[in-house]
Structure formats: structure tokens, C-alpha cells
Amino acid sequence: MSTFINRLDFGDKIYVYLQSGDILTIPYSYTKKILGAKKEELLEYRLIGEGIGVHFEKIDEDISLKGIIAYKLNHDLQAS
């Protein structure tokens, strides 16, 4: 079963809401462009590839669900 990104929310972290109902979080330091962006710039995003990724219009940055999952696995394993 595949899942896709449904939407993003921005708080103390970036919340990635998946169609499966799961929520992943990534820090703003996930990429240099995201870290340097203003919240207003991040709010202008669109889902790409029917939800396999996100394009941030104002900062010209793309992130993928595959990359987010790899990041989470790598960082969660290091933390344990």
C-alpha cells in the first residue's frame, strides 16, 4: 500500500500529514533553503507527483516523501 503527502503544517517543526493518517515531523534545518526561509515563503507550497513530494514556490525547493522517510529512519536510529 502506498501513501502520499496530503498537506503540511508549520509550527515548532514542519508537520507532514500523510493520506494514511500518519504524521511525520521534520526540523526546519531539513534543508538550508527551508532553514533560511520565512514562514510566509514556506506557506506557498504545492504537492507534486500526486503527493510524492512538495515544491516550495518562493524558495524554489523540492522535498520528497522518500527523502523525508530516509531522513527520519537515519535520525531516529542515531537517537536510539
C-alpha atoms as a PDB file:
ATOM      1  CA  MET A   1       0.000   0.000   0.000  1.00  0.00           C
ATOM      2  CA  SER A   2       1.384   3.393  -0.974  1.00  0.00           C
ATOM      3  CA  THR A   3       0.823   6.588   0.911  1.00  0.00           C
ATOM      4  CA  PHE A   4       1.246  10.160  -0.139  1.00  0.00           C
ATOM      5  CA  ILE A   5       1.599  13.606   1.379  1.00  0.00           C
ATOM      6  CA  ASN A   6      -1.766  15.221   1.987  1.00  0.00           C
ATOM      7  CA  ARG A   7      -0.689  18.586   3.423  1.00  0.00           C
ATOM      8  CA  LEU A   8       1.900  20.398   5.529  1.00  0.00           C
ATOM      9  CA  ASP A   9       1.573  22.444   8.692  1.00  0.00           C
ATOM     10  CA  PHE A  10       4.196  24.705  10.218  1.00  0.00           C
ATOM     11  CA  GLY A  11       4.731  25.026  13.960  1.00  0.00           C
ATOM     12  CA  ASP A  12       7.830  24.332  16.014  1.00  0.00           C
ATOM     13  CA  LYS A  13       8.622  21.779  13.246  1.00  0.00           C
ATOM     14  CA  ILE A  14       7.229  21.002   9.826  1.00  0.00           C
ATOM     15  CA  TYR A  15       4.348  18.553  10.138  1.00  0.00           C
ATOM     16  CA  VAL A  16       3.879  16.304   7.119  1.00  0.00           C
ATOM     17  CA  TYR A  17       0.354  14.865   7.040  1.00  0.00           C
ATOM     18  CA  LEU A  18       0.024  11.665   5.047  1.00  0.00           C
ATOM     19  CA  GLN A  19      -3.079  10.268   3.380  1.00  0.00           C
ATOM     20  CA  SER A  20      -2.681   7.193   5.601  1.00  0.00           C
ATOM     21  CA  GLY A  21      -3.403   9.367   8.643  1.00  0.00           C
ATOM     22  CA  ASP A  22       0.198   9.293   9.860  1.00  0.00           C
ATOM     23  CA  ILE A  23       2.075  12.495  10.655  1.00  0.00           C
ATOM     24  CA  LEU A  24       5.817  12.871  10.176  1.00  0.00           C
ATOM     25  CA  THR A  25       7.819  15.791  11.515  1.00  0.00           C
ATOM     26  CA  ILE A  26      10.993  17.301  10.163  1.00  0.00           C
ATOM     27  CA  PRO A  27      13.025  20.191  11.519  1.00  0.00           C
ATOM     28  CA  TYR A  28      13.360  23.443   9.622  1.00  0.00           C
ATOM     29  CA  SER A  29      17.030  22.527   9.261  1.00  0.00           C
ATOM     30  CA  TYR A  30      15.976  19.683   6.922  1.00  0.00           C
ATOM     31  CA  THR A  31      17.439  21.768   4.061  1.00  0.00           C
ATOM     32  CA  LYS A  32      19.397  25.019   4.029  1.00  0.00           C
ATOM     33  CA  LYS A  33      16.769  26.728   1.885  1.00  0.00           C
ATOM     34  CA  ILE A  34      13.970  25.785   4.271  1.00  0.00           C
ATOM     35  CA  LEU A  35      16.023  26.863   7.282  1.00  0.00           C
ATOM     36  CA  GLY A  36      16.646  30.277   5.726  1.00  0.00           C
ATOM     37  CA  ALA A  37      13.058  30.811   4.589  1.00  0.00           C
ATOM     38  CA  LYS A  38      10.380  32.916   6.226  1.00  0.00           C
ATOM     39  CA  LYS A  39       7.192  31.150   7.286  1.00  0.00           C
ATOM     40  CA  GLU A  40       5.241  33.140   4.683  1.00  0.00           C
ATOM     41  CA  GLU A  41       7.521  31.727   1.991  1.00  0.00           C
ATOM     42  CA  LEU A  42       7.001  28.177   3.203  1.00  0.00           C
ATOM     43  CA  LEU A  43       3.225  28.554   3.177  1.00  0.00           C
ATOM     44  CA  GLU A  44       3.357  28.876  -0.608  1.00  0.00           C
ATOM     45  CA  TYR A  45       3.879  25.223  -1.457  1.00  0.00           C
ATOM     46  CA  ARG A  46       2.232  22.750  -3.759  1.00  0.00           C
ATOM     47  CA  LEU A  47       2.177  18.978  -3.781  1.00  0.00           C
ATOM     48  CA  ILE A  48       3.969  17.417  -6.724  1.00  0.00           C
ATOM     49  CA  GLY A  49       3.677  13.961  -8.252  1.00  0.00           C
ATOM     50  CA  GLU A  50       0.247  13.480  -6.699  1.00  0.00           C
ATOM     51  CA  GLY A  51       1.739  13.784  -3.220  1.00  0.00           C
ATOM     52  CA  ILE A  52       5.137  12.115  -3.527  1.00  0.00           C
ATOM     53  CA  GLY A  53       6.786  15.465  -2.927  1.00  0.00           C
ATOM     54  CA  VAL A  54       6.401  19.141  -2.155  1.00  0.00           C
ATOM     55  CA  HIS A  55       7.570  22.176  -4.099  1.00  0.00           C
ATOM     56  CA  PHE A  56       8.076  25.426  -2.193  1.00  0.00           C
ATOM     57  CA  GLU A  57       7.343  28.104  -4.779  1.00  0.00           C
ATOM     58  CA  LYS A  58       9.043  31.134  -3.180  1.00  0.00           C
ATOM     59  CA  ILE A  59      12.329  29.411  -2.335  1.00  0.00           C
ATOM     60  CA  ASP A  60      12.416  27.024  -5.322  1.00  0.00           C
ATOM     61  CA  GLU A  61      12.954  23.929  -3.176  1.00  0.00           C
ATOM     62  CA  ASP A  62      11.615  20.397  -3.626  1.00  0.00           C
ATOM     63  CA  ILE A  63      11.429  17.710  -0.960  1.00  0.00           C
ATOM     64  CA  SER A  64      10.187  14.152  -1.362  1.00  0.00           C
ATOM     65  CA  LEU A  65       8.360  11.759   0.914  1.00  0.00           C
ATOM     66  CA  LYS A  66      11.058   9.183   0.169  1.00  0.00           C
ATOM     67  CA  GLY A  67      13.727  11.631   1.371  1.00  0.00           C
ATOM     68  CA  ILE A  68      11.742  12.519   4.483  1.00  0.00           C
ATOM     69  CA  ILE A  69      11.338   8.848   5.406  1.00  0.00           C
ATOM     70  CA  ALA A  70      15.059   8.187   4.843  1.00  0.00           C
ATOM     71  CA  TYR A  71      15.907  11.211   6.995  1.00  0.00           C
ATOM     72  CA  LYS A  72      13.567  10.030   9.778  1.00  0.00           C
ATOM     73  CA  LEU A  73      14.971   6.496   9.738  1.00  0.00           C
ATOM     74  CA  ASN A  74      18.550   7.742   9.836  1.00  0.00           C
ATOM     75  CA  HIS A  75      17.968  10.260  12.639  1.00  0.00           C
ATOM     76  CA  ASP A  76      15.655   8.067  14.719  1.00  0.00           C
ATOM     77  CA  LEU A  77      18.169   5.205  14.588  1.00  0.00           C
ATOM     78  CA  GLN A  78      21.000   7.503  15.662  1.00  0.00           C
ATOM     79  CA  ALA A  79      18.925   8.791  18.573  1.00  0.00           C
ATOM     80  CA  SER A  80      18.245   5.319  19.970  1.00  0.00           C
END
